[in-house]
Amino acid sequence: MPQELVIHTPENAEIRVPLAGMFSRAAAFVHDVLLQMTILVFVHIGFVFFVENFRMNHRGLYSSQLFQGLHMMVLFALVFGYYTYYELFADGQTPGKKAYNLRVVTLSGQRVGLFSSLLRNFLRIADFMPFMFMAGLLSTLITDRHQRIGDLFAGTVVIITEEVLPK
């Protein structure tokens, strides 16, 4: 199995970039999930205060289904928007990936575009199936480039940006 992404430049040069393995990707993912959970707790607390304040001030307009739907939309946007935002505006590095010197790039080594980012992140749902990211873990083990299902469809890989040497 290749442990490098080989990029051919227009000048006919070959650039070899190390690929991130399952364990470094999993560590970065856990880092990101912990950060997301912290953000979600604060958003949830703020939302509860907002709903209670609205309910007390606008008794006739209150609808629990409306606020539950709005709450779910906000949570969905935060969870999926988190990865897409960082992949597009932080050079392919979420805080977790940055902590572990990882980056998402296309198979040609380019920055990830909007469509690729949305596709790979919406397919996290497929990675989660059938039980606790088992499909995603298996796909990183059996694919040559350690790709999740979302990476396979989006044409992306996760690379190591610099070697981390022990001190």
Protein backbone atom coordinates (compact mmCIF):
# COMPACT_ATOMS: atom_id res chain seq x y z
CA MET A 1 0.00 0.00 0.00
CA PRO A 2 1.40 3.41 -0.88
CA GLN A 3 2.10 5.59 2.12
CA GLU A 4 2.60 8.67 -0.04
CA LEU A 5 0.56 10.78 -2.37
CA VAL A 6 2.55 11.26 -5.57
CA ILE A 7 1.80 14.56 -7.31
CA HIS A 8 3.04 15.20 -10.84
CA THR A 9 3.59 18.87 -11.64
CA PRO A 10 3.30 20.51 -15.09
CA GLU A 11 7.11 20.83 -15.06
CA ASN A 12 7.28 17.02 -14.98
CA ALA A 13 8.50 16.99 -11.39
CA GLU A 14 7.29 14.49 -8.86
CA ILE A 15 6.30 15.57 -5.35
CA ARG A 16 5.79 12.92 -2.68
CA VAL A 17 3.63 13.80 0.32
CA PRO A 18 3.11 11.38 3.25
CA LEU A 19 -0.46 10.19 3.77
CA ALA A 20 -2.14 10.28 7.16
CA GLY A 21 -2.99 6.89 8.61
CA MET A 22 -6.04 5.75 10.50
CA PHE A 23 -4.69 6.50 13.99
CA SER A 24 -3.57 10.08 13.33
CA ARG A 25 -6.87 10.77 11.57
CA ALA A 26 -8.80 9.26 14.48
CA ALA A 27 -6.86 11.37 17.00
CA ALA A 28 -7.58 14.54 15.03
CA PHE A 29 -11.25 13.54 14.76
CA VAL A 30 -11.54 13.03 18.54
CA HIS A 31 -9.90 16.43 19.06
CA ASP A 32 -12.46 18.03 16.72
CA VAL A 33 -15.41 16.20 18.29
CA LEU A 34 -14.42 17.40 21.77
CA LEU A 35 -14.20 20.97 20.48
CA GLN A 36 -17.55 20.61 18.70
CA MET A 37 -19.18 19.22 21.84
CA THR A 38 -17.94 22.22 23.82
CA ILE A 39 -19.34 24.61 21.23
CA LEU A 40 -22.63 22.68 21.09
CA VAL A 41 -23.06 22.83 24.88
CA PHE A 42 -22.75 26.62 24.84
CA VAL A 43 -25.04 26.94 21.82
CA HIS A 44 -27.60 24.66 23.47
CA ILE A 45 -27.51 26.65 26.73
CA GLY A 46 -27.93 29.90 24.79
CA PHE A 47 -30.77 28.41 22.79
CA VAL A 48 -32.59 27.25 25.95
CA PHE A 49 -32.32 30.73 27.45
CA PHE A 50 -33.55 32.27 24.20
CA VAL A 51 -36.55 29.93 23.97
CA GLU A 52 -37.52 30.43 27.61
CA ASN A 53 -37.26 34.22 27.26
CA PHE A 54 -39.29 34.14 24.04
CA ARG A 55 -41.92 31.87 25.59
CA MET A 56 -42.38 34.15 28.60
CA ASN A 57 -42.62 37.33 26.48
CA HIS A 58 -44.71 35.99 23.57
CA ARG A 59 -47.13 33.49 25.06
CA GLY A 60 -49.45 33.25 22.05
CA LEU A 61 -46.65 32.80 19.49
CA TYR A 62 -44.78 29.95 21.17
CA SER A 63 -44.61 26.65 19.32
CA SER A 64 -42.33 23.94 20.71
CA GLN A 65 -42.16 22.17 17.33
CA LEU A 66 -40.96 25.35 15.65
CA PHE A 67 -38.15 25.82 18.15
CA GLN A 68 -37.22 22.14 18.11
CA GLY A 69 -36.95 22.29 14.33
CA LEU A 70 -34.90 25.48 14.49
CA HIS A 71 -32.67 23.94 17.16
CA MET A 72 -32.04 20.85 15.02
CA MET A 73 -31.20 23.02 12.00
CA VAL A 74 -28.68 25.01 14.06
CA LEU A 75 -27.09 21.81 15.41
CA PHE A 76 -26.89 20.31 11.91
CA ALA A 77 -25.29 23.48 10.54
CA LEU A 78 -22.73 23.52 13.36
CA VAL A 79 -21.76 19.87 13.04
CA PHE A 80 -21.46 19.76 9.24
CA GLY A 81 -20.51 23.40 8.79
CA TYR A 82 -17.57 23.02 11.17
CA TYR A 83 -15.62 20.71 8.87
CA THR A 84 -16.62 22.50 5.66
CA TYR A 85 -15.69 25.91 7.08
CA TYR A 86 -12.21 24.81 8.15
CA GLU A 87 -11.55 22.85 4.96
CA LEU A 88 -12.40 25.88 2.83
CA PHE A 89 -11.08 28.78 4.92
CA ALA A 90 -8.26 27.27 7.01
CA ASP A 91 -6.38 25.56 4.20
CA GLY A 92 -7.94 22.15 4.79
CA GLN A 93 -7.11 22.00 8.48
CA THR A 94 -9.65 21.74 11.28
CA PRO A 95 -8.23 22.50 14.74
CA GLY A 96 -7.79 18.75 15.27
CA LYS A 97 -5.99 18.27 11.97
CA LYS A 98 -3.81 21.30 12.68
CA ALA A 99 -2.85 19.86 16.09
CA TYR A 100 -1.70 16.64 14.39
CA ASN A 101 -0.16 18.30 11.29
CA LEU A 102 -2.76 16.93 8.89
CA ARG A 103 -4.50 18.55 5.94
CA VAL A 104 -7.25 17.61 3.48
CA VAL A 105 -6.29 18.02 -0.18
CA THR A 106 -7.52 16.75 -3.53
CA LEU A 107 -5.79 13.81 -5.19
CA SER A 108 -3.80 16.32 -7.24
CA GLY A 109 -2.60 18.10 -4.09
CA GLN A 110 -4.86 21.13 -4.55
CA ARG A 111 -7.01 22.85 -1.94
CA VAL A 112 -10.42 21.27 -1.43
CA GLY A 113 -13.29 23.08 -3.17
CA LEU A 114 -16.82 23.68 -1.91
CA PHE A 115 -18.41 20.71 -3.68
CA SER A 116 -15.71 18.26 -2.57
CA SER A 117 -15.86 19.50 1.01
CA LEU A 118 -19.66 19.30 1.20
CA LEU A 119 -19.67 15.84 -0.38
CA ARG A 120 -16.99 14.37 1.90
CA ASN A 121 -18.65 15.83 4.99
CA PHE A 122 -22.21 14.79 4.18
CA LEU A 123 -20.90 11.28 3.64
CA ARG A 124 -19.74 11.17 7.28
CA ILE A 125 -23.18 9.67 7.82
CA ALA A 126 -22.17 6.71 5.62
CA ASP A 127 -18.88 6.42 7.52
CA PHE A 128 -20.83 6.18 10.76
CA MET A 129 -22.77 3.13 9.56
CA PRO A 130 -23.37 0.40 10.54
CA PHE A 131 -21.94 0.93 14.02
CA MET A 132 -19.78 3.73 15.41
CA PHE A 133 -17.79 4.70 12.30
CA MET A 134 -17.09 1.09 11.40
CA ALA A 135 -17.51 1.70 7.65
CA GLY A 136 -15.19 4.72 7.80
CA LEU A 137 -12.58 2.81 9.80
CA LEU A 138 -12.72 -0.16 7.47
CA SER A 139 -12.41 2.03 4.39
CA THR A 140 -9.28 3.72 5.80
CA LEU A 141 -7.79 0.29 6.43
CA ILE A 142 -8.52 -1.26 3.02
CA THR A 143 -7.97 1.66 0.64
CA ASP A 144 -4.50 2.40 -0.70
CA ARG A 145 -4.63 6.03 0.35
CA HIS A 146 -6.34 5.55 3.75
CA GLN A 147 -9.53 7.23 2.51
CA ARG A 148 -12.92 7.38 4.19
CA ILE A 149 -16.02 6.81 2.08
CA GLY A 150 -16.44 10.58 1.79
CA ASP A 151 -12.85 10.93 0.58
CA LEU A 152 -13.37 8.27 -2.08
CA PHE A 153 -16.42 10.04 -3.54
CA ALA A 154 -14.95 13.55 -3.22
CA GLY A 155 -11.52 12.67 -4.59
CA THR A 156 -9.70 13.83 -1.47
CA VAL A 157 -7.02 12.51 0.88
CA VAL A 158 -5.61 13.54 4.23
CA ILE A 159 -1.88 14.22 4.18
CA ILE A 160 0.76 14.86 6.81
CA THR A 161 1.97 18.44 6.42
CA GLU A 162 5.29 18.00 8.20
CA GLU A 163 7.05 15.20 9.96
CA VAL A 164 6.81 15.36 13.73
CA LEU A 165 10.01 14.11 15.31
CA PRO A 166 10.23 13.12 18.98
CA LYS A 167 12.23 15.50 21.15
